[in-house]
């Protein structure tokens, strides 16, 4: 199966990219590292999109696991620093699922 990439997210959306039921939605201007980040989420949902969505939406622990894996890929592209990714993951965009230190360690362990 091949992911479907669409540049449909409006500029006012808080996120730069999102995976919804197999579709990767991005803002018009995106960095290649962000595309790689969203492709990680697309692959994470291949087994069961419902299970992925349920875990991501309702479990802080799983949200950190999924995002740490995706942010590690983004850090490896060199576009973002691990510190920026940890600050973002531990902040309001993800509804504060963990502390900065926890996010930093979760990402660092996957880089």
PDB file of N, CA and C in Angstrom:
ATOM      1  N   UNK A   1       0.839  -1.172   0.000  1.00  0.00           N
ATOM      2  CA  UNK A   1       0.000   0.000   0.000  1.00  0.00           C
ATOM      3  C   UNK A   1       0.894   1.249   0.000  1.00  0.00           C
ATOM      4  N   UNK A   2       0.494   2.251  -0.723  1.00  0.00           N
ATOM      5  CA  UNK A   2       1.253   3.493  -0.850  1.00  0.00           C
ATOM      6  C   UNK A   2       0.523   4.622  -0.134  1.00  0.00           C
ATOM      7  N   UNK A   3       1.272   5.444   0.625  1.00  0.00           N
ATOM      8  CA  UNK A   3       0.613   6.573   1.306  1.00  0.00           C
ATOM      9  C   UNK A   3       0.132   7.611   0.314  1.00  0.00           C
ATOM     10  N   UNK A   4      -0.935   8.285   0.672  1.00  0.00           N
ATOM     11  CA  UNK A   4      -1.485   9.362  -0.148  1.00  0.00           C
ATOM     12  C   UNK A   4      -1.144  10.683   0.540  1.00  0.00           C
ATOM     13  N   UNK A   5      -0.325  11.495  -0.134  1.00  0.00           N
ATOM     14  CA  UNK A   5       0.075  12.794   0.409  1.00  0.00           C
ATOM     15  C   UNK A   5      -0.775  13.887  -0.215  1.00  0.00           C
ATOM     16  N   UNK A   6      -1.345  14.730   0.613  1.00  0.00           N
ATOM     17  CA  UNK A   6      -2.145  15.861   0.139  1.00  0.00           C
ATOM     18  C   UNK A   6      -1.714  17.117   0.889  1.00  0.00           C
ATOM     19  N   UNK A   7      -1.604  18.199   0.208  1.00  0.00           N
ATOM     20  CA  UNK A   7      -1.247  19.475   0.822  1.00  0.00           C
ATOM     21  C   UNK A   7      -2.531  20.282   1.041  1.00  0.00           C
ATOM     22  N   UNK A   8      -3.346  19.796   1.963  1.00  0.00           N
ATOM     23  CA  UNK A   8      -4.669  20.369   2.204  1.00  0.00           C
ATOM     24  C   UNK A   8      -4.809  21.101   3.523  1.00  0.00           C
ATOM     25  N   UNK A   9      -3.836  21.032   4.392  1.00  0.00           N
ATOM     26  CA  UNK A   9      -3.997  21.684   5.694  1.00  0.00           C
ATOM     27  C   UNK A   9      -3.945  23.200   5.541  1.00  0.00           C
ATOM     28  N   UNK A  10      -4.874  23.903   6.158  1.00  0.00           N
ATOM     29  CA  UNK A  10      -4.855  25.368   6.074  1.00  0.00           C
ATOM     30  C   UNK A  10      -3.711  25.957   6.900  1.00  0.00           C
ATOM     31  N   UNK A  11      -3.312  27.161   6.570  1.00  0.00           N
ATOM     32  CA  UNK A  11      -2.215  27.816   7.287  1.00  0.00           C
ATOM     33  C   UNK A  11      -2.519  28.010   8.767  1.00  0.00           C
ATOM     34  N   UNK A  12      -3.787  28.169   9.136  1.00  0.00           N
ATOM     35  CA  UNK A  12      -4.135  28.430  10.526  1.00  0.00           C
ATOM     36  C   UNK A  12      -4.128  27.166  11.397  1.00  0.00           C
ATOM     37  N   UNK A  13      -4.009  25.996  10.797  1.00  0.00           N
ATOM     38  CA  UNK A  13      -3.985  24.752  11.578  1.00  0.00           C
ATOM     39  C   UNK A  13      -2.743  24.741  12.474  1.00  0.00           C
ATOM     40  N   UNK A  14      -2.867  24.287  13.727  1.00  0.00           N
ATOM     41  CA  UNK A  14      -1.717  24.311  14.643  1.00  0.00           C
ATOM     42  C   UNK A  14      -0.607  23.337  14.260  1.00  0.00           C
ATOM     43  N   UNK A  15      -0.951  22.265  13.557  1.00  0.00           N
ATOM     44  CA  UNK A  15       0.059  21.292  13.170  1.00  0.00           C
ATOM     45  C   UNK A  15       0.445  21.490  11.702  1.00  0.00           C
ATOM     46  N   UNK A  16       1.661  21.056  11.369  1.00  0.00           N
ATOM     47  CA  UNK A  16       2.137  21.195   9.991  1.00  0.00           C
ATOM     48  C   UNK A  16       1.785  19.976   9.157  1.00  0.00           C
ATOM     49  N   UNK A  17       1.488  18.875   9.832  1.00  0.00           N
ATOM     50  CA  UNK A  17       1.111  17.658   9.133  1.00  0.00           C
ATOM     51  C   UNK A  17       0.345  16.741  10.061  1.00  0.00           C
ATOM     52  N   UNK A  18      -0.456  15.850   9.463  1.00  0.00           N
ATOM     53  CA  UNK A  18      -1.255  14.905  10.250  1.00  0.00           C
ATOM     54  C   UNK A  18      -1.609  13.721   9.364  1.00  0.00           C
ATOM     55  N   UNK A  19      -1.737  12.563   9.988  1.00  0.00           N
ATOM     56  CA  UNK A  19      -2.194  11.373   9.272  1.00  0.00           C
ATOM     57  C   UNK A  19      -3.612  11.081   9.730  1.00  0.00           C
ATOM     58  N   UNK A  20      -4.526  10.996   8.773  1.00  0.00           N
ATOM     59  CA  UNK A  20      -5.918  10.685   9.081  1.00  0.00           C
ATOM     60  C   UNK A  20      -6.355   9.531   8.190  1.00  0.00           C
ATOM     61  N   UNK A  21      -6.564   8.383   8.824  1.00  0.00           N
ATOM     62  CA  UNK A  21      -7.048   7.187   8.133  1.00  0.00           C
ATOM     63  C   UNK A  21      -6.296   6.897   6.838  1.00  0.00           C
ATOM     64  N   UNK A  22      -4.975   6.918   6.926  1.00  0.00           N
ATOM     65  CA  UNK A  22      -4.155   6.553   5.784  1.00  0.00           C
ATOM     66  C   UNK A  22      -3.777   7.690   4.859  1.00  0.00           C
ATOM     67  N   UNK A  23      -4.364   8.857   5.048  1.00  0.00           N
ATOM     68  CA  UNK A  23      -4.021  10.021   4.241  1.00  0.00           C
ATOM     69  C   UNK A  23      -3.067  10.904   5.039  1.00  0.00           C
ATOM     70  N   UNK A  24      -2.006  11.357   4.403  1.00  0.00           N
ATOM     71  CA  UNK A  24      -1.080  12.283   5.036  1.00  0.00           C
ATOM     72  C   UNK A  24      -1.431  13.680   4.538  1.00  0.00           C
ATOM     73  N   UNK A  25      -1.900  14.506   5.455  1.00  0.00           N
ATOM     74  CA  UNK A  25      -2.277  15.876   5.116  1.00  0.00           C
ATOM     75  C   UNK A  25      -1.188  16.820   5.601  1.00  0.00           C
ATOM     76  N   UNK A  26      -0.741  17.708   4.711  1.00  0.00           N
ATOM     77  CA  UNK A  26       0.342  18.630   5.016  1.00  0.00           C
ATOM     78  C   UNK A  26      -0.041  20.049   4.628  1.00  0.00           C
ATOM     79  N   UNK A  27       0.653  21.009   5.208  1.00  0.00           N
ATOM     80  CA  UNK A  27       0.514  22.388   4.744  1.00  0.00           C
ATOM     81  C   UNK A  27       1.255  22.509   3.417  1.00  0.00           C
ATOM     82  N   UNK A  28       0.996  23.561   2.701  1.00  0.00           N
ATOM     83  CA  UNK A  28       1.613  23.724   1.374  1.00  0.00           C
ATOM     84  C   UNK A  28       3.133  23.749   1.429  1.00  0.00           C
ATOM     85  N   UNK A  29       3.706  24.452   2.399  1.00  0.00           N
ATOM     86  CA  UNK A  29       5.157  24.521   2.529  1.00  0.00           C
ATOM     87  C   UNK A  29       5.585  23.594   3.666  1.00  0.00           C
ATOM     88  N   UNK A  30       6.295  22.551   3.320  1.00  0.00           N
ATOM     89  CA  UNK A  30       6.756  21.601   4.334  1.00  0.00           C
ATOM     90  C   UNK A  30       8.185  21.185   4.027  1.00  0.00           C
ATOM     91  N   UNK A  31       8.897  20.846   5.073  1.00  0.00           N
ATOM     92  CA  UNK A  31      10.267  20.363   4.948  1.00  0.00           C
ATOM     93  C   UNK A  31      10.238  18.850   4.719  1.00  0.00           C
ATOM     94  N   UNK A  32      11.237  18.312   4.034  1.00  0.00           N
ATOM     95  CA  UNK A  32      11.291  16.860   3.825  1.00  0.00           C
ATOM     96  C   UNK A  32      11.285  16.069   5.130  1.00  0.00           C
ATOM     97  N   UNK A  33      11.894  16.616   6.185  1.00  0.00           N
ATOM     98  CA  UNK A  33      11.900  15.929   7.475  1.00  0.00           C
ATOM     99  C   UNK A  33      10.505  15.750   8.042  1.00  0.00           C
ATOM    100  N   UNK A  34       9.633  16.722   7.814  1.00  0.00           N
ATOM    101  CA  UNK A  34       8.253  16.605   8.278  1.00  0.00           C
ATOM    102  C   UNK A  34       7.526  15.507   7.512  1.00  0.00           C
ATOM    103  N   UNK A  35       7.779  15.409   6.235  1.00  0.00           N
ATOM    104  CA  UNK A  35       7.169  14.340   5.440  1.00  0.00           C
ATOM    105  C   UNK A  35       7.622  12.990   5.993  1.00  0.00           C
ATOM    106  N   UNK A  36       8.910  12.856   6.293  1.00  0.00           N
ATOM    107  CA  UNK A  36       9.419  11.608   6.882  1.00  0.00           C
ATOM    108  C   UNK A  36       8.750  11.330   8.230  1.00  0.00           C
ATOM    109  N   UNK A  37       8.561  12.365   9.038  1.00  0.00           N
ATOM    110  CA  UNK A  37       7.880  12.251  10.332  1.00  0.00           C
ATOM    111  C   UNK A  37       6.469  11.688  10.138  1.00  0.00           C
ATOM    112  N   UNK A  38       5.731  12.245   9.205  1.00  0.00           N
ATOM    113  CA  UNK A  38       4.359  11.785   8.973  1.00  0.00           C
ATOM    114  C   UNK A  38       4.326  10.383   8.349  1.00  0.00           C
ATOM    115  N   UNK A  39       5.325  10.047   7.554  1.00  0.00           N
ATOM    116  CA  UNK A  39       5.396   8.687   7.005  1.00  0.00           C
ATOM    117  C   UNK A  39       5.591   7.651   8.107  1.00  0.00           C
ATOM    118  N   UNK A  40       6.307   8.020   9.164  1.00  0.00           N
ATOM    119  CA  UNK A  40       6.443   7.120  10.318  1.00  0.00           C
ATOM    120  C   UNK A  40       5.062   6.840  10.898  1.00  0.00           C
ATOM    121  N   UNK A  41       4.249   7.884  11.089  1.00  0.00           N
ATOM    122  CA  UNK A  41       2.895   7.685  11.627  1.00  0.00           C
ATOM    123  C   UNK A  41       2.048   6.850  10.672  1.00  0.00           C
ATOM    124  N   UNK A  42       2.210   7.061   9.392  1.00  0.00           N
ATOM    125  CA  UNK A  42       1.453   6.279   8.404  1.00  0.00           C
ATOM    126  C   UNK A  42       1.801   4.795   8.562  1.00  0.00           C
ATOM    127  N   UNK A  43       3.103   4.493   8.699  1.00  0.00           N
ATOM    128  CA  UNK A  43       3.519   3.093   8.884  1.00  0.00           C
ATOM    129  C   UNK A  43       3.047   2.546  10.230  1.00  0.00           C
ATOM    130  N   UNK A  44       3.049   3.376  11.263  1.00  0.00           N
ATOM    131  CA  UNK A  44       2.585   2.934  12.582  1.00  0.00           C
ATOM    132  C   UNK A  44       1.130   2.486  12.531  1.00  0.00           C
ATOM    133  N   UNK A  45       0.350   3.083  11.659  1.00  0.00           N
ATOM    134  CA  UNK A  45      -1.066   2.756  11.556  1.00  0.00           C
ATOM    135  C   UNK A  45      -1.384   1.629  10.592  1.00  0.00           C
ATOM    136  N   UNK A  46      -0.381   1.049   9.946  1.00  0.00           N
ATOM    137  CA  UNK A  46      -0.656   0.018   8.945  1.00  0.00           C
ATOM    138  C   UNK A  46      -1.326  -1.224   9.520  1.00  0.00           C
ATOM    139  N   UNK A  47      -0.922  -1.661  10.709  1.00  0.00           N
ATOM    140  CA  UNK A  47      -1.517  -2.858  11.283  1.00  0.00           C
ATOM    141  C   UNK A  47      -3.006  -2.695  11.534  1.00  0.00           C
ATOM    142  N   UNK A  48      -3.348  -1.650  12.227  1.00  0.00           N
ATOM    143  CA  UNK A  48      -4.749  -1.354  12.531  1.00  0.00           C
ATOM    144  C   UNK A  48      -4.886   0.148  12.728  1.00  0.00           C
ATOM    145  N   UNK A  49      -5.509   0.800  11.796  1.00  0.00           N
ATOM    146  CA  UNK A  49      -5.678   2.254  11.892  1.00  0.00           C
ATOM    147  C   UNK A  49      -6.508   2.622  13.119  1.00  0.00           C
ATOM    148  N   UNK A  50      -7.503   1.804  13.433  1.00  0.00           N
ATOM    149  CA  UNK A  50      -8.342   2.077  14.595  1.00  0.00           C
ATOM    150  C   UNK A  50      -7.514   1.993  15.875  1.00  0.00           C
ATOM    151  N   UNK A  51      -6.701   0.928  16.010  1.00  0.00           N
ATOM    152  CA  UNK A  51      -5.880   0.771  17.212  1.00  0.00           C
ATOM    153  C   UNK A  51      -4.898   1.940  17.333  1.00  0.00           C
ATOM    154  N   UNK A  52      -4.258   2.313  16.228  1.00  0.00           N
ATOM    155  CA  UNK A  52      -3.320   3.439  16.245  1.00  0.00           C
ATOM    156  C   UNK A  52      -4.037   4.707  16.699  1.00  0.00           C
ATOM    157  N   UNK A  53      -5.176   5.017  16.091  1.00  0.00           N
ATOM    158  CA  UNK A  53      -5.920   6.220  16.447  1.00  0.00           C
ATOM    159  C   UNK A  53      -6.348   6.183  17.915  1.00  0.00           C
ATOM    160  N   UNK A  54      -6.884   5.055  18.365  1.00  0.00           N
ATOM    161  CA  UNK A  54      -7.366   4.948  19.739  1.00  0.00           C
ATOM    162  C   UNK A  54      -6.218   5.161  20.735  1.00  0.00           C
ATOM    163  N   UNK A  55      -5.097   4.487  20.503  1.00  0.00           N
ATOM    164  CA  UNK A  55      -3.948   4.644  21.394  1.00  0.00           C
ATOM    165  C   UNK A  55      -3.438   6.082  21.373  1.00  0.00           C
ATOM    166  N   UNK A  56      -3.304   6.641  20.177  1.00  0.00           N
ATOM    167  CA  UNK A  56      -2.769   7.993  20.044  1.00  0.00           C
ATOM    168  C   UNK A  56      -3.689   9.012  20.732  1.00  0.00           C
ATOM    169  N   UNK A  57      -4.970   8.882  20.519  1.00  0.00           N
ATOM    170  CA  UNK A  57      -5.926   9.864  21.041  1.00  0.00           C
ATOM    171  C   UNK A  57      -6.149   9.750  22.540  1.00  0.00           C
ATOM    172  N   UNK A  58      -6.086   8.539  23.077  1.00  0.00           N
ATOM    173  CA  UNK A  58      -6.505   8.354  24.467  1.00  0.00           C
ATOM    174  C   UNK A  58      -5.412   7.926  25.434  1.00  0.00           C
ATOM    175  N   UNK A  59      -4.197   7.711  24.958  1.00  0.00           N
ATOM    176  CA  UNK A  59      -3.118   7.282  25.846  1.00  0.00           C
ATOM    177  C   UNK A  59      -1.915   8.206  25.701  1.00  0.00           C
ATOM    178  N   UNK A  60      -1.611   8.916  26.760  1.00  0.00           N
ATOM    179  CA  UNK A  60      -0.427   9.786  26.725  1.00  0.00           C
ATOM    180  C   UNK A  60       0.831   8.961  26.480  1.00  0.00           C
ATOM    181  N   UNK A  61       0.908   7.806  27.122  1.00  0.00           N
ATOM    182  CA  UNK A  61       2.077   6.940  26.974  1.00  0.00           C
ATOM    183  C   UNK A  61       2.303   6.562  25.516  1.00  0.00           C
ATOM    184  N   UNK A  62       1.251   6.117  24.836  1.00  0.00           N
ATOM    185  CA  UNK A  62       1.384   5.731  23.434  1.00  0.00           C
ATOM    186  C   UNK A  62       1.660   6.927  22.541  1.00  0.00           C
ATOM    187  N   UNK A  63       1.063   8.078  22.850  1.00  0.00           N
ATOM    188  CA  UNK A  63       1.321   9.275  22.058  1.00  0.00           C
ATOM    189  C   UNK A  63       2.807   9.628  22.112  1.00  0.00           C
ATOM    190  N   UNK A  64       3.409   9.519  23.293  1.00  0.00           N
ATOM    191  CA  UNK A  64       4.840   9.802  23.433  1.00  0.00           C
ATOM    192  C   UNK A  64       5.658   8.767  22.657  1.00  0.00           C
ATOM    193  N   UNK A  65       5.288   7.508  22.737  1.00  0.00           N
ATOM    194  CA  UNK A  65       6.013   6.461  22.006  1.00  0.00           C
ATOM    195  C   UNK A  65       5.953   6.723  20.509  1.00  0.00           C
ATOM    196  N   UNK A  66       4.756   6.958  19.992  1.00  0.00           N
ATOM    197  CA  UNK A  66       4.599   7.191  18.555  1.00  0.00           C
ATOM    198  C   UNK A  66       5.346   8.443  18.099  1.00  0.00           C
ATOM    199  N   UNK A  67       5.205   9.536  18.843  1.00  0.00           N
ATOM    200  CA  UNK A  67       5.843  10.782  18.444  1.00  0.00           C
ATOM    201  C   UNK A  67       7.356  10.736  18.611  1.00  0.00           C
ATOM    202  N   UNK A  68       7.833  10.065  19.651  1.00  0.00           N
ATOM    203  CA  UNK A  68       9.292   9.964  19.833  1.00  0.00           C
ATOM    204  C   UNK A  68       9.924   9.247  18.649  1.00  0.00           C
ATOM    205  N   UNK A  69       9.287   8.198  18.167  1.00  0.00           N
ATOM    206  CA  UNK A  69       9.794   7.490  16.997  1.00  0.00           C
ATOM    207  C   UNK A  69       9.806   8.407  15.770  1.00  0.00           C
ATOM    208  N   UNK A  70       8.738   9.148  15.569  1.00  0.00           N
ATOM    209  CA  UNK A  70       8.649  10.050  14.409  1.00  0.00           C
ATOM    210  C   UNK A  70       9.627  11.217  14.532  1.00  0.00           C
ATOM    211  N   UNK A  71       9.755  11.783  15.723  1.00  0.00           N
ATOM    212  CA  UNK A  71      10.694  12.887  15.908  1.00  0.00           C
ATOM    213  C   UNK A  71      12.144  12.423  15.767  1.00  0.00           C
ATOM    214  N   UNK A  72      12.445  11.193  16.162  1.00  0.00           N
ATOM    215  CA  UNK A  72      13.804  10.671  15.992  1.00  0.00           C
ATOM    216  C   UNK A  72      14.183  10.652  14.513  1.00  0.00           C
ATOM    217  N   UNK A  73      13.241  10.266  13.666  1.00  0.00           N
ATOM    218  CA  UNK A  73      13.484  10.280  12.221  1.00  0.00           C
ATOM    219  C   UNK A  73      13.714  11.710  11.750  1.00  0.00           C
ATOM    220  N   UNK A  74      12.931  12.638  12.252  1.00  0.00           N
ATOM    221  CA  UNK A  74      13.059  14.039  11.863  1.00  0.00           C
ATOM    222  C   UNK A  74      14.406  14.607  12.326  1.00  0.00           C
ATOM    223  N   UNK A  75      14.865  14.220  13.507  1.00  0.00           N
ATOM    224  CA  UNK A  75      16.170  14.667  14.005  1.00  0.00           C
ATOM    225  C   UNK A  75      17.277  14.110  13.109  1.00  0.00           C
ATOM    226  N   UNK A  76      17.152  12.860  12.695  1.00  0.00           N
ATOM    227  CA  UNK A  76      18.173  12.248  11.838  1.00  0.00           C
ATOM    228  C   UNK A  76      18.287  12.947  10.482  1.00  0.00           C
ATOM    229  N   UNK A  77      17.227  13.599  10.024  1.00  0.00           N
ATOM    230  CA  UNK A  77      17.320  14.340   8.754  1.00  0.00           C
ATOM    231  C   UNK A  77      18.150  15.609   8.926  1.00  0.00           C
ATOM    232  N   UNK A  78      18.332  16.041  10.170  1.00  0.00           N
ATOM    233  CA  UNK A  78      19.120  17.239  10.436  1.00  0.00           C
ATOM    234  C   UNK A  78      18.333  18.538  10.359  1.00  0.00           C
ATOM    235  N   UNK A  79      17.038  18.449  10.115  1.00  0.00           N
ATOM    236  CA  UNK A  79      16.228  19.668  10.002  1.00  0.00           C
ATOM    237  C   UNK A  79      15.845  20.266  11.341  1.00  0.00           C
ATOM    238  N   UNK A  80      15.708  19.431  12.344  1.00  0.00           N
ATOM    239  CA  UNK A  80      15.311  19.903  13.671  1.00  0.00           C
ATOM    240  C   UNK A  80      16.275  19.354  14.715  1.00  0.00           C
ATOM    241  N   UNK A  81      16.435  20.099  15.796  1.00  0.00           N
ATOM    242  CA  UNK A  81      17.280  19.619  16.890  1.00  0.00           C
ATOM    243  C   UNK A  81      16.447  18.733  17.812  1.00  0.00           C
ATOM    244  N   UNK A  82      17.125  17.881  18.524  1.00  0.00           N
ATOM    245  CA  UNK A  82      16.431  17.006  19.469  1.00  0.00           C
ATOM    246  C   UNK A  82      15.775  17.835  20.572  1.00  0.00           C
ATOM    247  N   UNK A  83      16.397  18.943  20.938  1.00  0.00           N
ATOM    248  CA  UNK A  83      15.829  19.814  21.976  1.00  0.00           C
ATOM    249  C   UNK A  83      14.514  20.451  21.513  1.00  0.00           C
ATOM    250  N   UNK A  84      14.482  20.917  20.265  1.00  0.00           N
ATOM    251  CA  UNK A  84      13.249  21.503  19.727  1.00  0.00           C
ATOM    252  C   UNK A  84      12.145  20.448  19.689  1.00  0.00           C
ATOM    253  N   UNK A  85      12.480  19.251  19.244  1.00  0.00           N
ATOM    254  CA  UNK A  85      11.483  18.179  19.161  1.00  0.00           C
ATOM    255  C   UNK A  85      10.951  17.813  20.540  1.00  0.00           C
ATOM    256  N   UNK A  86      11.838  17.729  21.528  1.00  0.00           N
ATOM    257  CA  UNK A  86      11.410  17.395  22.891  1.00  0.00           C
ATOM    258  C   UNK A  86      10.529  18.494  23.472  1.00  0.00           C
ATOM    259  N   UNK A  87      10.875  19.747  23.205  1.00  0.00           N
ATOM    260  CA  UNK A  87      10.056  20.866  23.689  1.00  0.00           C
ATOM    261  C   UNK A  87       8.668  20.824  23.055  1.00  0.00           C
ATOM    262  N   UNK A  88       8.617  20.537  21.771  1.00  0.00           N
ATOM    263  CA  UNK A  88       7.332  20.455  21.070  1.00  0.00           C
ATOM    264  C   UNK A  88       6.502  19.289  21.592  1.00  0.00           C
ATOM    265  N   UNK A  89       7.135  18.119  21.717  1.00  0.00           N
ATOM    266  CA  UNK A  89       6.411  16.927  22.181  1.00  0.00           C
ATOM    267  C   UNK A  89       5.873  17.102  23.598  1.00  0.00           C
ATOM    268  N   UNK A  90       6.605  17.785  24.444  1.00  0.00           N
ATOM    269  CA  UNK A  90       6.170  17.936  25.840  1.00  0.00           C
ATOM    270  C   UNK A  90       5.259  19.147  26.050  1.00  0.00           C
ATOM    271  N   UNK A  91       4.860  19.796  24.973  1.00  0.00           N
ATOM    272  CA  UNK A  91       4.086  21.029  25.087  1.00  0.00           C
ATOM    273  C   UNK A  91       2.620  20.922  24.715  1.00  0.00           C
ATOM    274  N   UNK A  92       1.989  22.084  24.485  1.00  0.00           N
ATOM    275  CA  UNK A  92       0.542  22.147  24.276  1.00  0.00           C
ATOM    276  C   UNK A  92       0.048  21.503  22.971  1.00  0.00           C
ATOM    277  N   UNK A  93       0.884  21.442  21.938  1.00  0.00           N
ATOM    278  CA  UNK A  93       0.446  20.830  20.683  1.00  0.00           C
ATOM    279  C   UNK A  93       0.024  19.375  20.896  1.00  0.00           C
ATOM    280  N   UNK A  94       0.685  18.704  21.843  1.00  0.00           N
ATOM    281  CA  UNK A  94       0.371  17.306  22.146  1.00  0.00           C
ATOM    282  C   UNK A  94      -0.346  17.160  23.490  1.00  0.00           C
ATOM    283  N   UNK A  95      -0.844  18.258  24.011  1.00  0.00           N
ATOM    284  CA  UNK A  95      -1.597  18.281  25.279  1.00  0.00           C
ATOM    285  C   UNK A  95      -0.744  17.835  26.468  1.00  0.00           C
ATOM    286  N   UNK A  96       0.503  18.264  26.478  1.00  0.00           N
ATOM    287  CA  UNK A  96       1.431  18.030  27.589  1.00  0.00           C
ATOM    288  C   UNK A  96       1.450  16.568  28.056  1.00  0.00           C
ATOM    289  N   UNK A  97       1.818  15.629  27.191  1.00  0.00           N
ATOM    290  CA  UNK A  97       1.759  14.221  27.577  1.00  0.00           C
ATOM    291  C   UNK A  97       2.863  13.786  28.532  1.00  0.00           C
ATOM    292  N   UNK A  98       3.940  14.582  28.646  1.00  0.00           N
ATOM    293  CA  UNK A  98       5.062  14.203  29.499  1.00  0.00           C
ATOM    294  C   UNK A  98       5.921  15.436  29.767  1.00  0.00           C
ATOM    295  N   UNK A  99       6.926  15.248  30.594  1.00  0.00           N
ATOM    296  CA  UNK A  99       7.849  16.345  30.870  1.00  0.00           C
ATOM    297  C   UNK A  99       8.847  16.492  29.724  1.00  0.00           C
ATOM    298  N   UNK A 100       9.527  17.615  29.703  1.00  0.00           N
ATOM    299  CA  UNK A 100      10.563  17.852  28.701  1.00  0.00           C
ATOM    300  C   UNK A 100      11.648  16.781  28.801  1.00  0.00           C
ATOM    301  N   UNK A 101      12.071  16.459  30.035  1.00  0.00           N
ATOM    302  CA  UNK A 101      13.127  15.462  30.242  1.00  0.00           C
ATOM    303  C   UNK A 101      12.705  14.092  29.718  1.00  0.00           C
ATOM    304  N   UNK A 102      11.463  13.719  29.947  1.00  0.00           N
ATOM    305  CA  UNK A 102      10.955  12.432  29.459  1.00  0.00           C
ATOM    306  C   UNK A 102      10.917  12.415  27.933  1.00  0.00           C
ATOM    307  N   UNK A 103      10.451  13.507  27.327  1.00  0.00           N
ATOM    308  CA  UNK A 103      10.401  13.594  25.867  1.00  0.00           C
ATOM    309  C   UNK A 103      11.804  13.527  25.278  1.00  0.00           C
ATOM    310  N   UNK A 104      12.741  14.249  25.894  1.00  0.00           N
ATOM    311  CA  UNK A 104      14.120  14.260  25.421  1.00  0.00           C
ATOM    312  C   UNK A 104      14.714  12.858  25.458  1.00  0.00           C
ATOM    313  N   UNK A 105      14.512  12.145  26.537  1.00  0.00           N
ATOM    314  CA  UNK A 105      15.046  10.782  26.658  1.00  0.00           C
ATOM    315  C   UNK A 105      14.362   9.824  25.690  1.00  0.00           C
ATOM    316  N   UNK A 106      13.055   9.966  25.515  1.00  0.00           N
ATOM    317  CA  UNK A 106      12.320   9.088  24.596  1.00  0.00           C
ATOM    318  C   UNK A 106      12.819   9.255  23.166  1.00  0.00           C
ATOM    319  N   UNK A 107      13.058  10.485  22.753  1.00  0.00           N
ATOM    320  CA  UNK A 107      13.557  10.733  21.395  1.00  0.00           C
ATOM    321  C   UNK A 107      15.007  10.301  21.273  1.00  0.00           C
ATOM    322  N   UNK A 108      15.810  10.674  22.250  1.00  0.00           N
ATOM    323  CA  UNK A 108      17.249  10.347  22.228  1.00  0.00           C
ATOM    324  C   UNK A 108      17.465   8.830  22.142  1.00  0.00           C
ATOM    325  N   UNK A 109      16.636   8.054  22.804  1.00  0.00           N
ATOM    326  CA  UNK A 109      16.806   6.593  22.791  1.00  0.00           C
ATOM    327  C   UNK A 109      16.486   5.978  21.430  1.00  0.00           C
ATOM    328  N   UNK A 110      15.859   6.767  20.536  1.00  0.00           N
ATOM    329  CA  UNK A 110      15.490   6.256  19.224  1.00  0.00           C
ATOM    330  C   UNK A 110      16.315   6.854  18.070  1.00  0.00           C
ATOM    331  N   UNK A 111      17.141   7.854  18.392  1.00  0.00           N
ATOM    332  CA  UNK A 111      17.943   8.511  17.337  1.00  0.00           C
ATOM    333  C   UNK A 111      19.094   7.629  16.914  1.00  0.00           C
TER     334      UNK A 111
END
